[in-house]
Each structure stands twice: as structure tokens, then as C-alpha cells.
Protein backbone atom coordinates (compact mmCIF):
# COMPACT_ATOMS: atom_id res chain seq x y z
CA MET A 1 0.05 0.06 -0.01
CA THR A 2 1.18 3.54 -0.75
CA ASP A 3 1.83 6.08 1.64
CA ASN A 4 -0.11 8.64 0.26
CA PRO A 5 -3.48 7.27 -0.02
CA LEU A 6 -3.93 9.86 -2.67
CA LYS A 7 -1.73 8.69 -5.23
CA GLY A 8 -3.49 7.48 -8.42
CA LEU A 9 -6.71 8.17 -7.89
CA ASN A 10 -8.83 8.66 -11.09
CA LEU A 11 -10.37 12.21 -10.29
CA THR A 12 -12.63 12.16 -13.46
CA PRO A 13 -16.23 12.80 -12.31
CA PRO A 14 -18.11 9.31 -12.95
CA GLY A 15 -21.04 11.40 -14.86
CA GLU A 16 -22.52 14.36 -15.18
CA GLY A 17 -23.52 16.65 -11.75
CA PHE A 18 -20.85 15.03 -9.87
CA GLU A 19 -18.67 16.86 -7.24
CA LEU A 20 -15.73 15.43 -5.28
CA TRP A 21 -16.39 15.51 -1.40
CA ARG A 22 -13.99 14.17 1.25
CA HIS A 23 -14.51 12.89 4.86
CA ARG A 24 -13.85 15.93 7.07
CA ASN A 25 -11.63 13.57 9.82
CA ALA A 26 -10.07 11.38 6.77
CA GLY A 27 -6.95 12.30 7.55
CA ARG A 28 -7.62 11.61 11.59
CA LEU A 29 -9.22 8.60 11.28
CA GLY A 30 -6.36 6.19 11.22
CA THR A 31 -8.12 3.98 8.08
CA GLU A 32 -5.07 2.94 6.20
CA GLY A 33 -5.19 3.49 2.50
CA TRP A 34 -8.51 5.41 2.41
CA SER A 35 -8.97 8.28 0.77
CA GLY A 36 -12.04 9.56 2.28
CA LEU A 37 -12.82 10.81 -0.94
CA TYR A 38 -16.57 10.41 -2.60
CA TRP A 39 -18.17 11.60 -6.08
CA ALA A 40 -21.47 12.88 -5.00
CA ARG A 41 -24.44 14.73 -6.63
CA ARG A 42 -27.98 15.85 -5.59
CA ALA A 43 -30.55 13.13 -6.29
CA HIS A 44 -34.43 14.00 -6.61
CA SER A 45 -35.12 13.47 -3.13
CA GLY A 46 -32.48 16.04 -1.88
CA GLY A 47 -30.19 13.86 -0.71
CA TYR A 48 -26.70 13.02 -2.55
CA GLU A 49 -25.99 9.82 -4.40
CA ILE A 50 -22.57 8.77 -4.12
CA ARG A 51 -20.17 7.07 -6.21
CA ALA A 52 -16.68 5.28 -5.11
CA VAL A 53 -13.43 7.01 -5.95
CA LEU A 54 -11.01 4.35 -7.56
CA ARG A 55 -7.44 4.25 -8.60
CA GLU A 56 -6.54 4.45 -11.84
CA GLY A 57 -7.04 1.22 -14.13
CA GLU A 58 -9.80 -0.17 -11.50
CA ALA A 59 -12.74 -0.52 -13.56
CA TYR A 60 -15.50 1.52 -13.03
CA SER A 61 -16.94 3.70 -9.98
CA TYR A 62 -19.65 2.02 -8.03
CA ALA A 63 -22.87 3.27 -6.44
CA GLY A 64 -22.86 3.70 -3.06
CA GLY A 65 -26.56 4.74 -2.33
CA VAL A 66 -27.86 8.08 -1.19
CA PHE A 67 -27.10 9.82 1.65
CA PRO A 68 -29.77 11.97 3.84
CA GLY A 69 -28.45 15.82 2.35
CA THR A 70 -28.02 17.45 6.02
CA THR A 71 -25.84 14.09 7.22
CA PHE A 72 -23.82 14.08 4.22
CA GLU A 73 -22.98 17.65 4.49
CA ARG A 74 -21.96 17.46 8.13
CA PHE A 75 -19.44 14.50 7.79
CA TYR A 76 -18.20 15.62 3.88
CA GLU A 77 -16.91 18.78 2.53
CA ARG A 78 -16.45 19.34 -1.04
CA VAL A 79 -12.77 19.54 -2.75
CA ASP A 80 -10.94 20.63 -5.43
CA PRO A 81 -10.10 17.70 -7.31
CA GLY A 82 -6.93 19.78 -8.79
CA GLY A 83 -5.70 20.82 -5.19
CA LEU A 84 -5.38 17.86 -3.68
CA GLY A 85 -2.28 16.52 -4.97
CA ALA A 86 -3.04 12.84 -5.82
CA GLY A 87 -0.51 12.13 -8.50
CA GLU A 88 2.60 12.71 -6.25
């Protein structure tokens, strides 16, 4: 496993309307190799449809369900894929 859980991630959105979100405590949870990143977009229900962020060459991003909007926003924050340093 790499020391940088962001290295080699595929940061291309899996579809229209998806934005990159990261768990607010991803760096402090101590889960080895977990980037804490998910693709998310608003669902018709008002929640967020989430999809996994995978490494380059690992199949396709898969659906993770729908989170209630307020819960998702409490634990996750929107991030800029260009500012993550995933290729380093």
C-alpha cells in the first residue's frame, strides 16, 4: 500500500453533476489507505447520490447509495480535485 492514499486516484467525475467530496476527518481516522473521497451529486430526494473514487485502472466507479443531505454535509466537505496532489 502506498504512503499517500491519494496517489493514483482517478479524479475524473463518473457522470454529469458529480462533485468531489472528502470526509472531514479522513486524515485523523487512521484507516490505512482510505482517501475519504466520494463523488456525489444531489438526488431528486434532496439527498446525495454517492459513488466510490477508485484508482486509475480499477474498473468503474460504483454506486454507494443515497445519503440524506444534512447528514452528508455534516460529515463531508466539497474539495477541488486539482488541489489534492493525488499524482504525487
